[in-house]
Structures are given as C-alpha cells and as structure tokens.
Protein backbone atom coordinates (compact mmCIF):
# COMPACT_ATOMS: atom_id res chain seq x y z
CA MET A 1 0.00 0.00 0.00
CA SER A 2 1.26 3.47 -0.87
CA PRO A 3 1.40 6.19 1.79
CA HIS A 4 -1.53 8.01 0.22
CA ASP A 5 -3.81 4.99 0.66
CA SER A 6 -3.66 4.80 4.45
CA MET A 7 -6.31 7.46 5.26
CA THR A 8 -9.34 8.94 3.56
CA GLU A 9 -9.73 12.58 2.61
CA PRO A 10 -6.57 14.06 4.17
CA SER A 11 -6.13 17.82 4.16
CA LEU A 12 -3.82 19.35 1.60
CA SER A 13 -1.17 20.02 4.23
CA GLU A 14 -1.34 16.37 5.28
CA SER A 15 -1.05 15.25 1.67
CA LEU A 16 1.95 17.50 1.11
CA GLU A 17 3.61 16.19 4.26
CA ARG A 18 3.07 12.60 3.14
CA ALA A 19 4.62 13.37 -0.21
CA ARG A 20 7.60 14.96 1.51
CA ALA A 21 7.94 12.03 3.91
CA PHE A 22 7.90 9.68 0.93
CA VAL A 23 10.42 11.50 -1.26
CA ASP A 24 12.96 12.79 1.28
CA PRO A 25 14.37 9.33 2.05
CA LEU A 26 14.75 8.78 -1.71
CA LEU A 27 16.75 12.00 -2.01
CA GLU A 28 18.94 11.13 0.95
CA ALA A 29 19.53 7.61 -0.33
CA ALA A 30 20.59 8.94 -3.74
CA ILE A 31 23.37 10.99 -2.15
CA ASP A 32 24.34 8.14 0.16
CA ARG A 33 24.77 5.84 -2.86
CA LEU A 34 27.33 8.12 -4.51
CA PRO A 35 30.72 6.35 -4.56
CA ALA A 36 32.99 8.42 -2.32
CA PRO A 37 32.29 12.01 -3.44
CA PRO A 38 34.42 14.76 -1.87
CA ALA A 39 33.05 15.37 1.62
CA ARG A 40 32.43 19.11 1.26
CA LEU A 41 30.65 18.63 -2.06
CA ALA A 42 28.43 15.88 -0.62
CA GLU A 43 27.63 18.10 2.36
CA ALA A 44 26.60 20.95 0.08
CA MET A 45 24.44 18.61 -2.02
CA ARG A 46 22.73 17.27 1.07
CA TYR A 47 22.27 20.80 2.47
CA SER A 48 20.62 22.04 -0.74
CA LEU A 49 18.62 18.97 -1.72
CA LEU A 50 17.19 18.25 1.73
CA ALA A 51 16.56 21.87 2.71
CA PRO A 52 13.13 22.56 4.25
CA GLY A 53 10.53 23.06 1.55
CA LYS A 54 7.09 22.08 0.31
CA ARG A 55 8.36 19.56 -2.27
CA LEU A 56 5.66 20.74 -4.68
CA ARG A 57 7.27 19.27 -7.78
CA PRO A 58 7.73 15.78 -6.35
CA ALA A 59 4.17 15.98 -5.01
CA LEU A 60 2.92 16.81 -8.51
CA VAL A 61 4.75 13.74 -9.84
CA LEU A 62 3.21 11.48 -7.21
CA TRP A 63 -0.29 12.92 -7.49
CA ALA A 64 -0.25 12.85 -11.29
CA SER A 65 0.76 9.19 -11.16
CA GLN A 66 -1.96 8.50 -8.59
CA ALA A 67 -4.58 10.30 -10.71
CA CYS A 68 -3.65 8.13 -13.71
CA GLY A 69 -3.88 4.87 -11.78
CA GLY A 70 -0.21 4.46 -10.91
CA SER A 71 1.60 4.00 -7.63
CA TRP A 72 3.91 6.28 -5.71
CA GLU A 73 6.55 3.57 -5.68
CA SER A 74 6.79 3.41 -9.47
CA ALA A 75 6.88 7.21 -9.68
CA GLY A 76 9.48 7.60 -6.92
CA PRO A 77 12.54 7.95 -9.18
CA CYS A 78 10.74 10.65 -11.20
CA ALA A 79 9.76 12.53 -8.04
CA ALA A 80 13.34 12.45 -6.75
CA ALA A 81 14.84 13.44 -10.10
CA VAL A 82 12.64 16.49 -10.58
CA GLU A 83 13.49 17.75 -7.09
CA MET A 84 17.20 17.38 -7.88
CA ILE A 85 16.80 19.58 -10.95
CA HIS A 86 14.78 22.08 -8.93
CA ALA A 87 17.38 22.17 -6.15
CA TYR A 88 20.23 22.64 -8.63
CA SER A 89 18.37 25.52 -10.28
CA LEU A 90 17.85 27.27 -6.95
CA VAL A 91 21.51 26.91 -5.99
CA HIS A 92 22.61 28.49 -9.26
CA ASP A 93 19.86 31.13 -9.37
CA ASP A 94 20.88 32.34 -5.90
CA LEU A 95 24.47 33.03 -6.95
CA PRO A 96 25.74 36.64 -6.97
CA ALA A 97 26.02 36.59 -10.77
CA MET A 98 22.35 35.58 -11.04
CA ASP A 99 19.66 36.66 -8.55
CA ASP A 100 22.15 37.33 -5.74
CA ASP A 101 20.14 35.93 -2.83
CA ASP A 102 21.50 35.15 0.61
CA LEU A 103 18.41 33.45 2.10
CA ARG A 104 16.56 30.41 0.83
CA ARG A 105 13.92 28.40 2.72
CA GLY A 106 14.80 30.23 5.89
CA ARG A 107 18.49 29.34 5.74
CA PRO A 108 21.63 30.80 4.16
CA THR A 109 21.84 30.03 0.46
CA CYS A 110 24.37 27.41 -0.61
CA HIS A 111 27.05 29.90 -1.64
CA ARG A 112 26.65 31.71 1.69
CA GLN A 113 26.79 28.53 3.74
CA PHE A 114 29.79 27.18 1.81
CA ASP A 115 31.31 29.32 -0.95
CA GLU A 116 30.55 30.24 -4.55
CA ALA A 117 32.75 27.58 -6.13
CA THR A 118 31.22 24.85 -3.97
CA ALA A 119 27.72 26.10 -4.83
CA ILE A 120 28.45 25.97 -8.55
CA LEU A 121 29.85 22.45 -8.23
CA CYS A 122 26.90 21.41 -6.07
CA GLY A 123 24.47 22.43 -8.81
CA ASP A 124 26.68 20.77 -11.41
CA ALA A 125 26.55 17.52 -9.42
CA LEU A 126 22.82 17.55 -8.68
CA GLN A 127 21.89 17.87 -12.36
CA PRO A 128 23.48 14.61 -13.60
CA LEU A 129 22.32 12.84 -10.43
CA ALA A 130 18.75 13.49 -11.58
CA PHE A 131 19.29 11.67 -14.86
CA GLU A 132 21.23 8.88 -13.16
CA THR A 133 18.23 8.44 -10.85
CA LEU A 134 15.84 8.14 -13.78
CA ALA A 135 18.09 5.84 -15.79
CA SER A 136 18.77 3.47 -12.91
CA GLY A 137 15.33 3.51 -11.26
CA LEU A 138 12.87 3.09 -14.15
CA PRO A 139 12.26 0.41 -16.78
CA PRO A 140 14.47 1.22 -19.80
CA ALA A 141 11.68 2.32 -22.15
CA ILE A 142 10.14 4.63 -19.58
CA ALA A 143 13.55 5.87 -18.43
CA ALA A 144 14.43 7.02 -21.94
CA ARG A 145 11.22 9.02 -22.30
CA ALA A 146 11.52 10.41 -18.77
CA CYS A 147 15.10 11.58 -19.39
CA LEU A 148 13.95 13.34 -22.56
CA VAL A 149 11.06 15.09 -20.79
CA LEU A 150 13.25 16.29 -17.92
CA ALA A 151 16.16 17.32 -20.17
CA GLN A 152 13.87 19.44 -22.33
CA ALA A 153 12.30 21.07 -19.28
CA ALA A 154 15.70 21.91 -17.80
CA GLY A 155 17.41 23.12 -20.96
CA ALA A 156 18.06 26.24 -23.01
CA SER A 157 14.51 26.45 -24.36
CA ALA A 158 12.92 26.10 -20.92
CA LEU A 159 14.31 26.53 -17.38
CA VAL A 160 17.79 27.81 -18.29
CA GLY A 161 16.44 29.92 -21.12
CA GLY A 162 13.87 31.43 -18.77
CA GLN A 163 16.58 32.44 -16.32
CA ALA A 164 18.59 33.97 -19.17
CA GLU A 165 15.60 36.02 -20.32
CA ASP A 166 14.78 37.00 -16.75
CA LEU A 167 18.28 38.40 -16.28
CA ALA A 168 18.15 40.15 -19.66
CA ALA A 169 14.80 41.73 -18.81
CA GLU A 170 16.14 42.89 -15.45
CA ARG A 171 19.02 44.57 -17.23
CA GLN A 172 16.69 45.79 -19.98
CA ALA A 173 18.91 44.02 -22.48
CA GLY A 174 16.28 41.74 -24.01
CA TRP A 175 13.02 43.68 -23.95
CA GLY A 176 11.60 47.16 -24.41
CA GLU A 177 10.77 48.69 -27.76
CA HIS A 178 11.40 45.44 -29.62
CA GLU A 179 8.97 43.25 -27.66
CA GLU A 180 5.79 43.66 -25.68
CA PRO A 181 6.78 43.29 -21.99
CA ALA A 182 3.60 41.37 -21.11
CA MET A 183 4.38 38.71 -23.72
CA LEU A 184 7.97 38.44 -22.56
CA LEU A 185 6.89 38.13 -18.92
CA GLU A 186 4.56 35.21 -19.62
CA ARG A 187 7.23 33.49 -21.69
CA ILE A 188 9.81 33.89 -18.93
CA HIS A 189 7.41 32.38 -16.39
CA ALA A 190 6.46 29.55 -18.75
CA ARG A 191 10.11 28.68 -19.21
CA LYS A 192 11.62 29.39 -15.81
CA THR A 193 8.82 28.00 -13.64
CA GLY A 194 6.10 26.41 -15.74
CA ALA A 195 8.30 24.00 -17.69
CA LEU A 196 9.40 22.07 -14.61
CA PHE A 197 5.82 21.87 -13.32
CA HIS A 198 4.77 20.48 -16.71
CA ALA A 199 7.62 17.98 -16.59
CA SER A 200 6.63 16.88 -13.08
CA LEU A 201 3.09 16.13 -14.20
CA HIS A 202 4.25 14.45 -17.41
CA LEU A 203 6.73 12.28 -15.52
CA GLY A 204 4.03 11.15 -13.12
CA GLY A 205 1.83 10.26 -16.05
CA LEU A 206 4.61 8.34 -17.77
CA ALA A 207 5.37 6.36 -14.62
CA ALA A 208 1.70 5.38 -14.42
CA GLY A 209 1.39 4.44 -18.09
CA ALA A 210 -1.11 7.27 -18.65
CA THR A 211 -3.22 7.46 -21.78
CA SER A 212 -2.77 10.28 -24.27
CA GLY A 213 -6.01 11.78 -22.97
CA GLN A 214 -4.77 11.73 -19.39
CA LEU A 215 -1.48 13.31 -20.41
CA ALA A 216 -3.38 16.07 -22.23
CA THR A 217 -5.44 16.72 -19.10
CA LEU A 218 -2.30 16.91 -16.99
CA GLU A 219 -0.86 19.37 -19.51
CA ALA A 220 -3.97 21.54 -19.25
CA TYR A 221 -3.64 21.49 -15.46
CA GLY A 222 0.02 22.46 -15.72
CA ARG A 223 -0.71 25.47 -17.93
CA GLY A 224 -3.04 27.00 -15.38
CA PHE A 225 -1.15 25.92 -12.29
CA GLY A 226 2.31 27.00 -13.46
CA LEU A 227 1.37 30.58 -14.27
CA ALA A 228 -0.87 30.90 -11.21
CA PHE A 229 2.02 29.76 -9.04
CA GLN A 230 4.42 32.31 -10.47
CA ILE A 231 1.97 35.19 -10.24
CA ALA A 232 1.39 34.25 -6.60
CA ASP A 233 5.15 34.16 -6.10
CA ASP A 234 5.45 37.66 -7.56
CA LEU A 235 2.69 38.83 -5.22
CA LEU A 236 4.48 37.29 -2.23
CA ASP A 237 7.62 39.20 -3.10
CA ALA A 238 5.59 42.39 -3.25
CA GLU A 239 3.41 41.81 -0.19
CA GLY A 240 4.76 38.89 1.82
CA SER A 241 7.05 38.72 4.83
CA GLU A 242 10.53 37.27 5.06
CA GLU A 243 9.48 35.27 8.11
CA ALA A 244 6.67 33.51 6.23
CA THR A 245 8.39 33.03 2.88
CA GLY A 246 11.83 32.07 4.21
CA LYS A 247 13.54 34.37 1.71
CA ARG A 248 14.07 38.04 1.10
CA VAL A 249 11.00 39.94 -0.08
CA GLY A 250 10.76 43.20 -1.98
CA LYS A 251 13.91 42.37 -3.92
CA ASP A 252 12.17 42.24 -7.31
CA VAL A 253 11.28 45.93 -7.15
CA GLY A 254 14.76 46.82 -5.96
CA ARG A 255 16.34 44.98 -8.86
CA GLY A 256 13.92 46.30 -11.46
CA LYS A 257 12.62 42.85 -12.29
CA LEU A 258 9.76 42.36 -14.71
CA THR A 259 6.89 40.92 -12.61
CA PHE A 260 3.12 40.68 -12.81
CA PRO A 261 2.49 43.24 -10.03
CA SER A 262 4.94 45.72 -11.55
CA LEU A 263 3.34 45.36 -14.97
CA HIS A 264 -0.34 44.79 -14.19
CA GLY A 265 -0.80 45.88 -10.57
CA ILE A 266 -1.62 43.90 -7.44
CA VAL A 267 -5.39 43.57 -7.92
CA ALA A 268 -5.31 42.52 -11.58
CA SER A 269 -2.47 40.08 -10.88
CA ARG A 270 -4.38 38.41 -8.06
CA GLU A 271 -7.54 38.16 -10.17
CA ARG A 272 -5.58 36.55 -13.00
CA ALA A 273 -3.98 34.04 -10.63
CA ILE A 274 -7.37 33.05 -9.22
CA ARG A 275 -8.81 32.50 -12.70
CA LEU A 276 -5.84 30.36 -13.69
CA ALA A 277 -6.13 28.32 -10.50
CA GLU A 278 -9.80 27.69 -11.25
CA GLU A 279 -8.88 26.49 -14.74
CA ALA A 280 -6.29 24.13 -13.30
CA ALA A 281 -8.75 22.78 -10.72
CA ALA A 282 -11.31 22.17 -13.45
CA ALA A 283 -8.74 20.15 -15.40
CA ALA A 284 -7.90 18.13 -12.28
CA GLY A 285 -11.60 17.38 -11.87
CA GLN A 286 -11.54 15.57 -15.21
CA LEU A 287 -9.19 13.01 -13.65
CA GLY A 288 -11.83 11.90 -11.17
CA ALA A 289 -11.26 11.23 -7.48
CA GLY A 290 -7.54 10.72 -8.08
CA GLY A 291 -7.19 14.37 -9.04
CA ARG A 292 -8.42 15.67 -5.67
CA ASP A 293 -5.02 16.71 -4.32
CA LEU A 294 -4.15 18.44 -7.59
CA SER A 295 -7.40 20.40 -7.41
CA LEU A 296 -6.84 21.40 -3.77
CA LEU A 297 -3.29 22.46 -4.56
CA ALA A 298 -4.43 24.71 -7.41
CA HIS A 299 -6.81 26.58 -5.11
CA TRP A 300 -4.28 26.83 -2.29
CA ILE A 301 -1.41 28.08 -4.41
CA VAL A 302 -2.94 31.52 -4.95
CA HIS A 303 -3.81 32.06 -1.28
CA ARG A 304 -0.57 30.87 0.31
CA ASP A 305 1.71 33.05 2.40
CA HIS A 306 4.91 31.10 1.68
C-alpha cells in the first residue's frame, strides 16, 4: 500500500507532508549511494537537496501518477529526479552573478553557507544525479522518455532559457521597444517555472502508463497551475514577509525585475492568478477522485503566504 492509501480525505497540508515524507528518504539515499564524493561537495548537495521546503514538484509527480492509476513507488525515481533539478536551479539562481540571494527556505543560500565555487559544483553535481536516478530507477523504455522530458524542461529552451531572459529583462537588455513586456513576462514564467511543473506532471503520467487523454489533461492542469504559481510568487515578493516566505522579499522591485504586479498591478495580478487556479482545478476534476489533491493544490497556491 502506498502512503496516500492509508487514510481517507486528508487535508492538503497532510497530503503534502506525506509526499515529503515519501520522497525525502529517496533524495537522501541517492546521495548516500554516490561512490565516495568529496566530503564538502556531498555536504553541500545534502544541504541544498534536503533543505526545508514544500516539495511541490515531487508531489505533482506522485499525485499525477496517482490520478492516472499508478503507484507512488513506481513514480518515486521521477519525483526524486525532478526535485534534484529544482534544487540545482535554486543553488545556481541564488548566486551573486544571477539573482544574488542570501536566504533560501529560511536558511543561508548554498554559496553563503559554503562558498561560490562549492555552490556551482553542487548544482553541477545535482543535475546529472537526476538523470542517473531516472536511468537506474525506471524500466528502460520509460527511463528514456523520462530523461527526454526532464532534459527538455531543464534546458536552453525552458528553465535555463527562462533564467537567461529573466536576467536580460532585469538589465533591460532583451526587452523594451522590440517586444511587448507582457508577452515576454509570460514566456519567462512559462520557461523558468512552468516547464518544470509540466515535466513533473508528465513524468508522473509516464510512470503510471497514462493514456494520451490523461497526459493532455495533466498538460492543461500544468498550464493554469504553473502561471498561477508564479503570479502568486510575484505577489508574495511584493506583499509577503521574510518570516513567512523564508527568503528576502521586496527584492524584485529593488532589482527592477519584470513581474506581474509591476506590470499589471496587485489587484489585476491576483484576479488573473485566481482565474488560472480555477482552470487548473477544473482540469484536475476531469481526472476523477484521483485528481483531488491536484485540485486542492491549485486553489491553495494563490492564497498561500509562503
């Protein structure tokens, strides 16, 4: 029996905690299995990968698999791999040359806790560990497709490209008179944040042997959820507290970042996020009872304070 089968109708917070309790041992075991890595590097990897957090992306993998009739156990390697890519991206995004953050999840960022070189190497090591986890933990045919999905989501046309455009927009080097800022903003969010959410859902579906129709429904959910999440994140930076979010707030305005509140205002941004969340919840409803946690998450994501 999977952890999600042991009780009926848990709250969203309980479901998230179960997902975290399921995936964290997988993450820890993956580092423990590494053959004699340098001690400081392994410590930085453990520090970054097991940092306190909601584990939203692994939860999406597990819940997508569940909604498509699969098990958490079969989706476990996918859940672990997507969190490794997410953790690597945060370590690199926090670097002084990128977003220059010194607080992440209520703790010093990796380069502050260790040093910049170690942080770069930590991210470099977490990325291939994700693909090793997929290749060694899934049946070969599924592993090949899963590696492709995650590689595309993490690459130059998606996550990395989104960060590049985000930095260019901040420096006003890639937008302005040549492109409508609103279009650029949505593309940045789709690449930098949305692509990994899409991959999480797709990976869960693949692990469950989902039908093409189920995968299309998961994709529809991801479109609404991914943008709603990022708008809510922008709102938290504008209105949230450092204590609740576990990271610096107000930094987007200070750095001149292109965000939904700066472009559209607080009220319009919140209204857009709520509409998108409703669209995502409606898509989750098409998956039947198995989509319950996905639906609850979509509604919660726009009202969260962290």
